[in-house]
Protein backbone atom coordinates (compact mmCIF):
# COMPACT_ATOMS: atom_id res chain seq x y z
CA UNK A 1 0.00 0.00 0.00
CA UNK A 2 1.38 3.36 -1.00
CA UNK A 3 0.77 6.38 1.20
CA UNK A 4 1.23 9.98 0.15
CA UNK A 5 2.13 12.50 2.84
CA UNK A 6 1.08 16.08 2.10
CA UNK A 7 2.33 18.86 4.36
CA UNK A 8 1.09 22.43 4.27
CA UNK A 9 1.62 24.97 7.06
CA UNK A 10 2.78 22.23 9.45
CA UNK A 11 -0.47 20.35 8.93
CA UNK A 12 0.05 16.81 7.66
CA UNK A 13 -2.46 14.93 5.56
CA UNK A 14 -2.13 11.27 4.66
CA UNK A 15 -3.57 10.06 1.38
CA UNK A 16 -3.80 6.43 0.24
CA UNK A 17 -2.71 5.91 -3.37
CA UNK A 18 -4.23 2.81 -5.02
CA UNK A 19 -1.94 0.37 -6.79
CA UNK A 20 -2.08 -0.38 -10.51
CA UNK A 21 -3.78 -3.74 -9.96
CA UNK A 22 -6.46 -2.13 -7.80
CA UNK A 23 -7.13 0.42 -10.53
CA UNK A 24 -7.39 -2.34 -13.14
CA UNK A 25 -9.95 -4.20 -11.02
CA UNK A 26 -11.92 -0.97 -10.59
CA UNK A 27 -11.79 -0.39 -14.35
CA UNK A 28 -13.46 -3.76 -14.84
CA UNK A 29 -16.43 -2.40 -12.82
CA UNK A 30 -16.83 -5.50 -10.71
CA UNK A 31 -19.65 -5.47 -8.19
CA UNK A 32 -18.84 -5.69 -4.52
CA UNK A 33 -18.99 -9.19 -3.14
CA UNK A 34 -19.15 -10.80 0.25
CA UNK A 35 -15.60 -12.01 0.81
CA UNK A 36 -16.70 -14.55 3.39
CA UNK A 37 -19.06 -16.31 0.99
CA UNK A 38 -17.09 -16.01 -2.26
CA UNK A 39 -13.44 -16.91 -1.90
CA UNK A 40 -10.74 -16.29 -4.52
CA UNK A 41 -12.94 -14.93 -7.29
CA UNK A 42 -11.41 -14.53 -10.75
CA UNK A 43 -11.46 -11.15 -12.47
CA UNK A 44 -12.22 -11.37 -16.16
CA UNK A 45 -13.38 -8.93 -18.77
CA UNK A 46 -12.30 -6.47 -21.42
CA UNK A 47 -10.68 -3.09 -20.70
CA UNK A 48 -10.65 -0.28 -23.23
CA UNK A 49 -7.35 1.26 -24.27
CA UNK A 50 -8.46 4.66 -22.93
CA UNK A 51 -8.78 3.20 -19.43
CA UNK A 52 -5.28 1.72 -19.70
CA UNK A 53 -3.91 5.14 -20.68
CA UNK A 54 -5.73 6.78 -17.73
CA UNK A 55 -4.34 4.19 -15.31
CA UNK A 56 -0.86 4.68 -16.76
CA UNK A 57 -1.05 8.45 -16.29
CA UNK A 58 -2.09 8.04 -12.66
CA UNK A 59 0.65 5.57 -11.65
CA UNK A 60 3.53 6.57 -13.95
CA UNK A 61 5.61 7.87 -11.01
CA UNK A 62 5.45 4.44 -9.30
CA UNK A 63 7.27 2.64 -12.13
CA UNK A 64 10.86 3.03 -13.24
CA UNK A 65 10.28 3.33 -16.99
CA UNK A 66 11.84 6.28 -18.79
CA UNK A 67 9.09 6.74 -21.35
CA UNK A 68 5.32 6.62 -21.24
CA UNK A 69 5.26 3.60 -23.57
CA UNK A 70 7.43 1.64 -21.12
CA UNK A 71 5.03 2.35 -18.28
CA UNK A 72 2.14 1.35 -20.56
CA UNK A 73 3.87 -1.96 -21.25
CA UNK A 74 4.26 -2.55 -17.51
CA UNK A 75 0.55 -1.89 -16.96
CA UNK A 76 -0.31 -4.22 -19.85
CA UNK A 77 1.86 -6.88 -18.24
CA UNK A 78 -0.04 -6.45 -14.98
CA UNK A 79 -3.42 -7.05 -16.60
CA UNK A 80 -4.64 -10.57 -17.18
CA UNK A 81 -7.68 -9.41 -19.16
CA UNK A 82 -8.06 -8.54 -22.81
CA UNK A 83 -7.38 -4.94 -23.79
CA UNK A 84 -9.47 -3.69 -26.73
CA UNK A 85 -10.22 -7.31 -27.64
CA UNK A 86 -6.56 -8.42 -27.72
CA UNK A 87 -4.45 -10.36 -25.27
CA UNK A 88 -2.16 -7.88 -23.47
CA UNK A 89 1.04 -9.78 -24.29
CA UNK A 90 0.15 -9.67 -28.00
CA UNK A 91 0.11 -5.88 -27.77
CA UNK A 92 3.47 -5.87 -25.99
CA UNK A 93 5.16 -8.35 -28.35
CA UNK A 94 3.80 -6.82 -31.56
CA UNK A 95 6.79 -5.42 -33.44
CA UNK A 96 4.66 -2.97 -35.45
CA UNK A 97 4.31 -0.78 -32.37
CA UNK A 98 0.81 -1.76 -31.30
CA UNK A 99 1.51 -0.13 -27.96
CA UNK A 100 2.18 3.09 -29.85
CA UNK A 101 -1.51 3.83 -30.19
CA UNK A 102 -1.84 3.54 -26.42
CA UNK A 103 1.03 5.94 -25.75
CA UNK A 104 -0.20 8.69 -28.03
PDB file of N, CA and C in Angstrom:
ATOM      1  N   UNK A   1       0.851  -1.161   0.000  1.00  0.00           N
ATOM      2  CA  UNK A   1       0.000   0.000   0.000  1.00  0.00           C
ATOM      3  C   UNK A   1       0.901   1.230   0.000  1.00  0.00           C
ATOM      4  N   UNK A   2       0.577   2.150  -0.869  1.00  0.00           N
ATOM      5  CA  UNK A   2       1.381   3.359  -1.003  1.00  0.00           C
ATOM      6  C   UNK A   2       0.640   4.511  -0.345  1.00  0.00           C
ATOM      7  N   UNK A   3       1.353   5.229   0.500  1.00  0.00           N
ATOM      8  CA  UNK A   3       0.774   6.375   1.196  1.00  0.00           C
ATOM      9  C   UNK A   3       1.469   7.637   0.703  1.00  0.00           C
ATOM     10  N   UNK A   4       0.700   8.689   0.580  1.00  0.00           N
ATOM     11  CA  UNK A   4       1.228   9.978   0.153  1.00  0.00           C
ATOM     12  C   UNK A   4       1.065  10.946   1.322  1.00  0.00           C
ATOM     13  N   UNK A   5       2.151  11.568   1.719  1.00  0.00           N
ATOM     14  CA  UNK A   5       2.129  12.499   2.837  1.00  0.00           C
ATOM     15  C   UNK A   5       2.198  13.922   2.297  1.00  0.00           C
ATOM     16  N   UNK A   6       1.152  14.690   2.537  1.00  0.00           N
ATOM     17  CA  UNK A   6       1.084  16.082   2.101  1.00  0.00           C
ATOM     18  C   UNK A   6       1.210  16.982   3.320  1.00  0.00           C
ATOM     19  N   UNK A   7       2.123  17.946   3.251  1.00  0.00           N
ATOM     20  CA  UNK A   7       2.329  18.862   4.364  1.00  0.00           C
ATOM     21  C   UNK A   7       2.143  20.289   3.877  1.00  0.00           C
ATOM     22  N   UNK A   8       1.308  21.029   4.602  1.00  0.00           N
ATOM     23  CA  UNK A   8       1.093  22.433   4.275  1.00  0.00           C
ATOM     24  C   UNK A   8       0.859  23.181   5.582  1.00  0.00           C
ATOM     25  N   UNK A   9       1.692  24.173   5.832  1.00  0.00           N
ATOM     26  CA  UNK A   9       1.622  24.969   7.061  1.00  0.00           C
ATOM     27  C   UNK A   9       1.654  24.092   8.316  1.00  0.00           C
ATOM     28  N   UNK A  10       2.572  23.161   8.332  1.00  0.00           N
ATOM     29  CA  UNK A  10       2.781  22.233   9.448  1.00  0.00           C
ATOM     30  C   UNK A  10       1.587  21.329   9.725  1.00  0.00           C
ATOM     31  N   UNK A  11       0.673  21.253   8.808  1.00  0.00           N
ATOM     32  CA  UNK A  11      -0.466  20.346   8.927  1.00  0.00           C
ATOM     33  C   UNK A  11      -0.235  19.185   7.960  1.00  0.00           C
ATOM     34  N   UNK A  12      -0.214  17.990   8.479  1.00  0.00           N
ATOM     35  CA  UNK A  12       0.049  16.814   7.658  1.00  0.00           C
ATOM     36  C   UNK A  12      -1.259  16.127   7.282  1.00  0.00           C
ATOM     37  N   UNK A  13      -1.326  15.710   6.044  1.00  0.00           N
ATOM     38  CA  UNK A  13      -2.463  14.935   5.559  1.00  0.00           C
ATOM     39  C   UNK A  13      -1.925  13.672   4.912  1.00  0.00           C
ATOM     40  N   UNK A  14      -2.540  12.552   5.228  1.00  0.00           N
ATOM     41  CA  UNK A  14      -2.131  11.275   4.664  1.00  0.00           C
ATOM     42  C   UNK A  14      -3.172  10.858   3.636  1.00  0.00           C
ATOM     43  N   UNK A  15      -2.686  10.455   2.469  1.00  0.00           N
ATOM     44  CA  UNK A  15      -3.569  10.056   1.384  1.00  0.00           C
ATOM     45  C   UNK A  15      -3.140   8.672   0.904  1.00  0.00           C
ATOM     46  N   UNK A  16      -4.089   7.772   0.726  1.00  0.00           N
ATOM     47  CA  UNK A  16      -3.798   6.429   0.244  1.00  0.00           C
ATOM     48  C   UNK A  16      -3.848   6.449  -1.280  1.00  0.00           C
ATOM     49  N   UNK A  17      -2.781   5.962  -1.910  1.00  0.00           N
ATOM     50  CA  UNK A  17      -2.710   5.910  -3.366  1.00  0.00           C
ATOM     51  C   UNK A  17      -2.947   4.461  -3.789  1.00  0.00           C
ATOM     52  N   UNK A  18      -3.956   4.197  -4.613  1.00  0.00           N
ATOM     53  CA  UNK A  18      -4.226   2.812  -5.019  1.00  0.00           C
ATOM     54  C   UNK A  18      -3.143   2.286  -5.958  1.00  0.00           C
ATOM     55  N   UNK A  19      -2.935   0.987  -5.924  1.00  0.00           N
ATOM     56  CA  UNK A  19      -1.939   0.374  -6.792  1.00  0.00           C
ATOM     57  C   UNK A  19      -2.511   0.186  -8.194  1.00  0.00           C
ATOM     58  N   UNK A  20      -1.650  -0.200  -9.119  1.00  0.00           N
ATOM     59  CA  UNK A  20      -2.084  -0.385 -10.507  1.00  0.00           C
ATOM     60  C   UNK A  20      -3.082  -1.528 -10.618  1.00  0.00           C
ATOM     61  N   UNK A  21      -2.851  -2.606  -9.885  1.00  0.00           N
ATOM     62  CA  UNK A  21      -3.776  -3.740  -9.961  1.00  0.00           C
ATOM     63  C   UNK A  21      -5.140  -3.381  -9.387  1.00  0.00           C
ATOM     64  N   UNK A  22      -5.177  -2.566  -8.348  1.00  0.00           N
ATOM     65  CA  UNK A  22      -6.465  -2.135  -7.796  1.00  0.00           C
ATOM     66  C   UNK A  22      -7.211  -1.258  -8.788  1.00  0.00           C
ATOM     67  N   UNK A  23      -6.478  -0.413  -9.521  1.00  0.00           N
ATOM     68  CA  UNK A  23      -7.127   0.424 -10.532  1.00  0.00           C
ATOM     69  C   UNK A  23      -7.653  -0.399 -11.702  1.00  0.00           C
ATOM     70  N   UNK A  24      -6.936  -1.465 -12.052  1.00  0.00           N
ATOM     71  CA  UNK A  24      -7.388  -2.335 -13.137  1.00  0.00           C
ATOM     72  C   UNK A  24      -8.670  -3.055 -12.736  1.00  0.00           C
ATOM     73  N   UNK A  25      -8.736  -3.531 -11.500  1.00  0.00           N
ATOM     74  CA  UNK A  25      -9.947  -4.203 -11.021  1.00  0.00           C
ATOM     75  C   UNK A  25     -11.110  -3.229 -10.984  1.00  0.00           C
ATOM     76  N   UNK A  26     -10.842  -1.974 -10.601  1.00  0.00           N
ATOM     77  CA  UNK A  26     -11.917  -0.973 -10.589  1.00  0.00           C
ATOM     78  C   UNK A  26     -12.355  -0.645 -12.009  1.00  0.00           C
ATOM     79  N   UNK A  27     -11.432  -0.668 -12.965  1.00  0.00           N
ATOM     80  CA  UNK A  27     -11.789  -0.385 -14.354  1.00  0.00           C
ATOM     81  C   UNK A  27     -12.678  -1.475 -14.940  1.00  0.00           C
ATOM     82  N   UNK A  28     -12.599  -2.673 -14.377  1.00  0.00           N
ATOM     83  CA  UNK A  28     -13.465  -3.760 -14.838  1.00  0.00           C
ATOM     84  C   UNK A  28     -14.897  -3.596 -14.351  1.00  0.00           C
ATOM     85  N   UNK A  29     -15.111  -2.686 -13.395  1.00  0.00           N
ATOM     86  CA  UNK A  29     -16.431  -2.400 -12.821  1.00  0.00           C
ATOM     87  C   UNK A  29     -17.072  -3.646 -12.214  1.00  0.00           C
ATOM     88  N   UNK A  30     -16.304  -4.328 -11.403  1.00  0.00           N
ATOM     89  CA  UNK A  30     -16.835  -5.500 -10.713  1.00  0.00           C
ATOM     90  C   UNK A  30     -17.697  -5.053  -9.540  1.00  0.00           C
ATOM     91  N   UNK A  31     -18.778  -5.767  -9.311  1.00  0.00           N
ATOM     92  CA  UNK A  31     -19.646  -5.467  -8.185  1.00  0.00           C
ATOM     93  C   UNK A  31     -18.996  -5.925  -6.890  1.00  0.00           C
ATOM     94  N   UNK A  32     -19.360  -5.276  -5.817  1.00  0.00           N
ATOM     95  CA  UNK A  32     -18.837  -5.686  -4.518  1.00  0.00           C
ATOM     96  C   UNK A  32     -19.385  -7.058  -4.169  1.00  0.00           C
ATOM     97  N   UNK A  33     -18.576  -7.837  -3.497  1.00  0.00           N
ATOM     98  CA  UNK A  33     -18.986  -9.193  -3.143  1.00  0.00           C
ATOM     99  C   UNK A  33     -18.725  -9.417  -1.668  1.00  0.00           C
ATOM    100  N   UNK A  34     -19.386 -10.411  -1.132  1.00  0.00           N
ATOM    101  CA  UNK A  34     -19.155 -10.797   0.247  1.00  0.00           C
ATOM    102  C   UNK A  34     -17.934 -11.711   0.272  1.00  0.00           C
ATOM    103  N   UNK A  35     -16.850 -11.252   0.850  1.00  0.00           N
ATOM    104  CA  UNK A  35     -15.603 -12.008   0.814  1.00  0.00           C
ATOM    105  C   UNK A  35     -15.649 -13.276   1.656  1.00  0.00           C
ATOM    106  N   UNK A  36     -16.592 -13.340   2.587  1.00  0.00           N
ATOM    107  CA  UNK A  36     -16.701 -14.553   3.395  1.00  0.00           C
ATOM    108  C   UNK A  36     -17.403 -15.667   2.629  1.00  0.00           C
ATOM    109  N   UNK A  37     -18.315 -15.299   1.739  1.00  0.00           N
ATOM    110  CA  UNK A  37     -19.062 -16.305   0.988  1.00  0.00           C
ATOM    111  C   UNK A  37     -18.363 -16.694  -0.307  1.00  0.00           C
ATOM    112  N   UNK A  38     -17.772 -15.734  -0.996  1.00  0.00           N
ATOM    113  CA  UNK A  38     -17.095 -16.006  -2.260  1.00  0.00           C
ATOM    114  C   UNK A  38     -15.595 -15.839  -2.074  1.00  0.00           C
ATOM    115  N   UNK A  39     -14.890 -16.943  -2.092  1.00  0.00           N
ATOM    116  CA  UNK A  39     -13.442 -16.905  -1.903  1.00  0.00           C
ATOM    117  C   UNK A  39     -12.732 -16.974  -3.254  1.00  0.00           C
ATOM    118  N   UNK A  40     -11.643 -16.245  -3.371  1.00  0.00           N
ATOM    119  CA  UNK A  40     -10.742 -16.293  -4.522  1.00  0.00           C
ATOM    120  C   UNK A  40     -11.474 -16.170  -5.852  1.00  0.00           C
ATOM    121  N   UNK A  41     -12.216 -15.108  -6.037  1.00  0.00           N
ATOM    122  CA  UNK A  41     -12.937 -14.925  -7.293  1.00  0.00           C
ATOM    123  C   UNK A  41     -11.970 -14.462  -8.380  1.00  0.00           C
ATOM    124  N   UNK A  42     -12.236 -14.893  -9.602  1.00  0.00           N
ATOM    125  CA  UNK A  42     -11.411 -14.529 -10.748  1.00  0.00           C
ATOM    126  C   UNK A  42     -11.957 -13.251 -11.370  1.00  0.00           C
ATOM    127  N   UNK A  43     -11.071 -12.386 -11.803  1.00  0.00           N
ATOM    128  CA  UNK A  43     -11.462 -11.148 -12.465  1.00  0.00           C
ATOM    129  C   UNK A  43     -11.261 -11.347 -13.962  1.00  0.00           C
ATOM    130  N   UNK A  44     -12.326 -11.225 -14.711  1.00  0.00           N
ATOM    131  CA  UNK A  44     -12.215 -11.374 -16.155  1.00  0.00           C
ATOM    132  C   UNK A  44     -13.047 -10.293 -16.823  1.00  0.00           C
ATOM    133  N   UNK A  45     -12.658  -9.944 -18.037  1.00  0.00           N
ATOM    134  CA  UNK A  45     -13.383  -8.926 -18.767  1.00  0.00           C
ATOM    135  C   UNK A  45     -12.504  -8.266 -19.808  1.00  0.00           C
ATOM    136  N   UNK A  46     -13.002  -7.205 -20.382  1.00  0.00           N
ATOM    137  CA  UNK A  46     -12.302  -6.468 -21.418  1.00  0.00           C
ATOM    138  C   UNK A  46     -12.157  -5.017 -20.968  1.00  0.00           C
ATOM    139  N   UNK A  47     -10.951  -4.474 -21.086  1.00  0.00           N
ATOM    140  CA  UNK A  47     -10.685  -3.092 -20.699  1.00  0.00           C
ATOM    141  C   UNK A  47     -10.391  -2.305 -21.971  1.00  0.00           C
ATOM    142  N   UNK A  48     -10.923  -1.110 -22.061  1.00  0.00           N
ATOM    143  CA  UNK A  48     -10.647  -0.280 -23.230  1.00  0.00           C
ATOM    144  C   UNK A  48      -9.247   0.316 -23.122  1.00  0.00           C
ATOM    145  N   UNK A  49      -8.700   0.692 -24.266  1.00  0.00           N
ATOM    146  CA  UNK A  49      -7.347   1.256 -24.273  1.00  0.00           C
ATOM    147  C   UNK A  49      -7.312   2.624 -23.594  1.00  0.00           C
ATOM    148  N   UNK A  50      -8.422   3.355 -23.617  1.00  0.00           N
ATOM    149  CA  UNK A  50      -8.459   4.655 -22.931  1.00  0.00           C
ATOM    150  C   UNK A  50      -8.312   4.492 -21.424  1.00  0.00           C
ATOM    151  N   UNK A  51      -8.910   3.446 -20.869  1.00  0.00           N
ATOM    152  CA  UNK A  51      -8.780   3.201 -19.430  1.00  0.00           C
ATOM    153  C   UNK A  51      -7.346   2.828 -19.068  1.00  0.00           C
ATOM    154  N   UNK A  52      -6.685   2.074 -19.946  1.00  0.00           N
ATOM    155  CA  UNK A  52      -5.285   1.716 -19.701  1.00  0.00           C
ATOM    156  C   UNK A  52      -4.419   2.974 -19.698  1.00  0.00           C
ATOM    157  N   UNK A  53      -4.680   3.895 -20.621  1.00  0.00           N
ATOM    158  CA  UNK A  53      -3.915   5.145 -20.677  1.00  0.00           C
ATOM    159  C   UNK A  53      -4.169   5.974 -19.423  1.00  0.00           C
ATOM    160  N   UNK A  54      -5.422   6.035 -18.955  1.00  0.00           N
ATOM    161  CA  UNK A  54      -5.733   6.782 -17.731  1.00  0.00           C
ATOM    162  C   UNK A  54      -5.033   6.184 -16.519  1.00  0.00           C
ATOM    163  N   UNK A  55      -5.024   4.859 -16.421  1.00  0.00           N
ATOM    164  CA  UNK A  55      -4.343   4.191 -15.306  1.00  0.00           C
ATOM    165  C   UNK A  55      -2.844   4.470 -15.379  1.00  0.00           C
ATOM    166  N   UNK A  56      -2.288   4.427 -16.582  1.00  0.00           N
ATOM    167  CA  UNK A  56      -0.857   4.682 -16.757  1.00  0.00           C
ATOM    168  C   UNK A  56      -0.493   6.099 -16.338  1.00  0.00           C
ATOM    169  N   UNK A  57      -1.323   7.068 -16.674  1.00  0.00           N
ATOM    170  CA  UNK A  57      -1.049   8.452 -16.293  1.00  0.00           C
ATOM    171  C   UNK A  57      -1.113   8.643 -14.784  1.00  0.00           C
ATOM    172  N   UNK A  58      -1.958   7.878 -14.107  1.00  0.00           N
ATOM    173  CA  UNK A  58      -2.089   8.036 -12.659  1.00  0.00           C
ATOM    174  C   UNK A  58      -0.950   7.388 -11.893  1.00  0.00           C
ATOM    175  N   UNK A  59      -0.378   6.297 -12.411  1.00  0.00           N
ATOM    176  CA  UNK A  59       0.646   5.568 -11.653  1.00  0.00           C
ATOM    177  C   UNK A  59       2.025   5.621 -12.304  1.00  0.00           C
ATOM    178  N   UNK A  60       2.256   6.546 -13.233  1.00  0.00           N
ATOM    179  CA  UNK A  60       3.533   6.569 -13.948  1.00  0.00           C
ATOM    180  C   UNK A  60       4.718   6.869 -13.035  1.00  0.00           C
ATOM    181  N   UNK A  61       4.502   7.566 -11.928  1.00  0.00           N
ATOM    182  CA  UNK A  61       5.607   7.868 -11.012  1.00  0.00           C
ATOM    183  C   UNK A  61       5.999   6.661 -10.164  1.00  0.00           C
ATOM    184  N   UNK A  62       5.157   5.621 -10.112  1.00  0.00           N
ATOM    185  CA  UNK A  62       5.452   4.438  -9.304  1.00  0.00           C
ATOM    186  C   UNK A  62       6.390   3.470 -10.021  1.00  0.00           C
ATOM    187  N   UNK A  63       6.465   3.567 -11.355  1.00  0.00           N
ATOM    188  CA  UNK A  63       7.272   2.643 -12.132  1.00  0.00           C
ATOM    189  C   UNK A  63       8.567   3.312 -12.560  1.00  0.00           C
ATOM    190  N   UNK A  64       9.556   2.502 -12.910  1.00  0.00           N
ATOM    191  CA  UNK A  64      10.864   3.034 -13.243  1.00  0.00           C
ATOM    192  C   UNK A  64      11.115   3.226 -14.724  1.00  0.00           C
ATOM    193  N   UNK A  65      10.086   3.188 -15.549  1.00  0.00           N
ATOM    194  CA  UNK A  65      10.277   3.329 -16.992  1.00  0.00           C
ATOM    195  C   UNK A  65      10.612   4.773 -17.350  1.00  0.00           C
ATOM    196  N   UNK A  66      11.454   4.933 -18.364  1.00  0.00           N
ATOM    197  CA  UNK A  66      11.845   6.276 -18.788  1.00  0.00           C
ATOM    198  C   UNK A  66      10.746   6.954 -19.595  1.00  0.00           C
ATOM    199  N   UNK A  67      10.087   6.173 -20.450  1.00  0.00           N
ATOM    200  CA  UNK A  67       9.095   6.739 -21.350  1.00  0.00           C
ATOM    201  C   UNK A  67       7.700   6.254 -20.981  1.00  0.00           C
ATOM    202  N   UNK A  68       6.718   6.956 -21.510  1.00  0.00           N
ATOM    203  CA  UNK A  68       5.320   6.617 -21.242  1.00  0.00           C
ATOM    204  C   UNK A  68       4.973   5.246 -21.817  1.00  0.00           C
ATOM    205  N   UNK A  69       5.558   4.900 -22.962  1.00  0.00           N
ATOM    206  CA  UNK A  69       5.260   3.601 -23.570  1.00  0.00           C
ATOM    207  C   UNK A  69       5.785   2.458 -22.706  1.00  0.00           C
ATOM    208  N   UNK A  70       6.910   2.670 -22.018  1.00  0.00           N
ATOM    209  CA  UNK A  70       7.434   1.642 -21.121  1.00  0.00           C
ATOM    210  C   UNK A  70       6.524   1.409 -19.934  1.00  0.00           C
ATOM    211  N   UNK A  71       5.977   2.488 -19.385  1.00  0.00           N
ATOM    212  CA  UNK A  71       5.025   2.355 -18.284  1.00  0.00           C
ATOM    213  C   UNK A  71       3.753   1.678 -18.765  1.00  0.00           C
ATOM    214  N   UNK A  72       3.328   1.988 -19.991  1.00  0.00           N
ATOM    215  CA  UNK A  72       2.145   1.351 -20.559  1.00  0.00           C
ATOM    216  C   UNK A  72       2.365  -0.143 -20.713  1.00  0.00           C
ATOM    217  N   UNK A  73       3.559  -0.541 -21.123  1.00  0.00           N
ATOM    218  CA  UNK A  73       3.872  -1.964 -21.247  1.00  0.00           C
ATOM    219  C   UNK A  73       3.842  -2.654 -19.888  1.00  0.00           C
ATOM    220  N   UNK A  74       4.304  -1.966 -18.855  1.00  0.00           N
ATOM    221  CA  UNK A  74       4.262  -2.553 -17.512  1.00  0.00           C
ATOM    222  C   UNK A  74       2.826  -2.738 -17.042  1.00  0.00           C
ATOM    223  N   UNK A  75       1.961  -1.768 -17.327  1.00  0.00           N
ATOM    224  CA  UNK A  75       0.551  -1.891 -16.955  1.00  0.00           C
ATOM    225  C   UNK A  75      -0.099  -3.016 -17.744  1.00  0.00           C
ATOM    226  N   UNK A  76       0.226  -3.129 -19.045  1.00  0.00           N
ATOM    227  CA  UNK A  76      -0.314  -4.220 -19.853  1.00  0.00           C
ATOM    228  C   UNK A  76       0.149  -5.570 -19.324  1.00  0.00           C
ATOM    229  N   UNK A  77       1.373  -5.642 -18.824  1.00  0.00           N
ATOM    230  CA  UNK A  77       1.859  -6.884 -18.238  1.00  0.00           C
ATOM    231  C   UNK A  77       1.163  -7.225 -16.937  1.00  0.00           C
ATOM    232  N   UNK A  78       0.675  -6.216 -16.230  1.00  0.00           N
ATOM    233  CA  UNK A  78      -0.038  -6.446 -14.976  1.00  0.00           C
ATOM    234  C   UNK A  78      -1.426  -7.008 -15.226  1.00  0.00           C
ATOM    235  N   UNK A  79      -2.050  -6.593 -16.329  1.00  0.00           N
ATOM    236  CA  UNK A  79      -3.416  -7.051 -16.603  1.00  0.00           C
ATOM    237  C   UNK A  79      -3.404  -8.496 -17.058  1.00  0.00           C
ATOM    238  N   UNK A  80      -4.445  -9.203 -16.702  1.00  0.00           N
ATOM    239  CA  UNK A  80      -4.637 -10.569 -17.182  1.00  0.00           C
ATOM    240  C   UNK A  80      -5.875 -10.633 -18.063  1.00  0.00           C
ATOM    241  N   UNK A  81      -6.477  -9.478 -18.348  1.00  0.00           N
ATOM    242  CA  UNK A  81      -7.679  -9.407 -19.159  1.00  0.00           C
ATOM    243  C   UNK A  81      -7.323  -8.916 -20.557  1.00  0.00           C
ATOM    244  N   UNK A  82      -8.279  -9.040 -21.460  1.00  0.00           N
ATOM    245  CA  UNK A  82      -8.059  -8.538 -22.808  1.00  0.00           C
ATOM    246  C   UNK A  82      -8.179  -7.021 -22.817  1.00  0.00           C
ATOM    247  N   UNK A  83      -7.370  -6.396 -23.648  1.00  0.00           N
ATOM    248  CA  UNK A  83      -7.384  -4.945 -23.788  1.00  0.00           C
ATOM    249  C   UNK A  83      -7.771  -4.646 -25.228  1.00  0.00           C
ATOM    250  N   UNK A  84      -8.917  -4.010 -25.401  1.00  0.00           N
ATOM    251  CA  UNK A  84      -9.468  -3.691 -26.727  1.00  0.00           C
ATOM    252  C   UNK A  84      -9.606  -4.952 -27.572  1.00  0.00           C
ATOM    253  N   UNK A  85      -9.984  -6.055 -26.935  1.00  0.00           N
ATOM    254  CA  UNK A  85     -10.223  -7.307 -27.642  1.00  0.00           C
ATOM    255  C   UNK A  85      -8.982  -8.132 -27.926  1.00  0.00           C
ATOM    256  N   UNK A  86      -7.815  -7.699 -27.488  1.00  0.00           N
ATOM    257  CA  UNK A  86      -6.564  -8.419 -27.724  1.00  0.00           C
ATOM    258  C   UNK A  86      -5.945  -8.841 -26.404  1.00  0.00           C
ATOM    259  N   UNK A  87      -5.202  -9.932 -26.450  1.00  0.00           N
ATOM    260  CA  UNK A  87      -4.454 -10.365 -25.271  1.00  0.00           C
ATOM    261  C   UNK A  87      -3.361  -9.328 -25.009  1.00  0.00           C
ATOM    262  N   UNK A  88      -3.118  -8.951 -23.743  1.00  0.00           N
ATOM    263  CA  UNK A  88      -2.156  -7.880 -23.470  1.00  0.00           C
ATOM    264  C   UNK A  88      -0.735  -8.190 -23.931  1.00  0.00           C
ATOM    265  N   UNK A  89      -0.322  -9.451 -23.875  1.00  0.00           N
ATOM    266  CA  UNK A  89       1.040  -9.783 -24.291  1.00  0.00           C
ATOM    267  C   UNK A  89       1.189  -9.714 -25.810  1.00  0.00           C
ATOM    268  N   UNK A  90       0.082  -9.870 -26.553  1.00  0.00           N
ATOM    269  CA  UNK A  90       0.150  -9.673 -28.002  1.00  0.00           C
ATOM    270  C   UNK A  90       0.429  -8.215 -28.326  1.00  0.00           C
ATOM    271  N   UNK A  91      -0.142  -7.306 -27.550  1.00  0.00           N
ATOM    272  CA  UNK A  91       0.107  -5.879 -27.767  1.00  0.00           C
ATOM    273  C   UNK A  91       1.541  -5.511 -27.410  1.00  0.00           C
ATOM    274  N   UNK A  92       2.091  -6.155 -26.395  1.00  0.00           N
ATOM    275  CA  UNK A  92       3.468  -5.867 -25.988  1.00  0.00           C
ATOM    276  C   UNK A  92       4.454  -6.431 -27.009  1.00  0.00           C
ATOM    277  N   UNK A  93       4.214  -7.669 -27.465  1.00  0.00           N
ATOM    278  CA  UNK A  93       5.157  -8.347 -28.351  1.00  0.00           C
ATOM    279  C   UNK A  93       5.054  -7.910 -29.806  1.00  0.00           C
ATOM    280  N   UNK A  94       3.991  -7.216 -30.167  1.00  0.00           N
ATOM    281  CA  UNK A  94       3.796  -6.824 -31.560  1.00  0.00           C
ATOM    282  C   UNK A  94       4.904  -5.860 -31.984  1.00  0.00           C
ATOM    283  N   UNK A  95       5.644  -6.238 -33.020  1.00  0.00           N
ATOM    284  CA  UNK A  95       6.788  -5.419 -33.441  1.00  0.00           C
ATOM    285  C   UNK A  95       6.367  -4.190 -34.235  1.00  0.00           C
ATOM    286  N   UNK A  96       5.098  -4.129 -34.667  1.00  0.00           N
ATOM    287  CA  UNK A  96       4.661  -2.971 -35.452  1.00  0.00           C
ATOM    288  C   UNK A  96       4.348  -1.776 -34.568  1.00  0.00           C
ATOM    289  N   UNK A  97       4.554  -1.897 -33.281  1.00  0.00           N
ATOM    290  CA  UNK A  97       4.311  -0.777 -32.373  1.00  0.00           C
ATOM    291  C   UNK A  97       2.858  -0.659 -31.992  1.00  0.00           C
ATOM    292  N   UNK A  98       2.231  -1.782 -31.666  1.00  0.00           N
ATOM    293  CA  UNK A  98       0.814  -1.759 -31.299  1.00  0.00           C
ATOM    294  C   UNK A  98       0.593  -0.988 -30.009  1.00  0.00           C
ATOM    295  N   UNK A  99       1.647  -0.894 -29.192  1.00  0.00           N
ATOM    296  CA  UNK A  99       1.512  -0.127 -27.962  1.00  0.00           C
ATOM    297  C   UNK A  99       1.587   1.356 -28.284  1.00  0.00           C
ATOM    298  N   UNK A 100       2.067   1.695 -29.453  1.00  0.00           N
ATOM    299  CA  UNK A 100       2.184   3.091 -29.847  1.00  0.00           C
ATOM    300  C   UNK A 100       0.866   3.826 -29.843  1.00  0.00           C
ATOM    301  N   UNK A 101      -0.216   3.151 -30.208  1.00  0.00           N
ATOM    302  CA  UNK A 101      -1.512   3.827 -30.189  1.00  0.00           C
ATOM    303  C   UNK A 101      -1.975   4.085 -28.770  1.00  0.00           C
ATOM    304  N   UNK A 102      -1.485   3.301 -27.818  1.00  0.00           N
ATOM    305  CA  UNK A 102      -1.837   3.544 -26.422  1.00  0.00           C
ATOM    306  C   UNK A 102      -1.053   4.726 -25.867  1.00  0.00           C
ATOM    307  N   UNK A 103       0.172   4.894 -26.312  1.00  0.00           N
ATOM    308  CA  UNK A 103       1.027   5.936 -25.750  1.00  0.00           C
ATOM    309  C   UNK A 103       0.729   7.311 -26.316  1.00  0.00           C
ATOM    310  N   UNK A 104       0.064   7.376 -27.448  1.00  0.00           N
ATOM    311  CA  UNK A 104      -0.200   8.693 -28.030  1.00  0.00           C
ATOM    312  C   UNK A 104      -1.489   9.287 -27.543  1.00  0.00           C
TER     313      UNK A 104
END
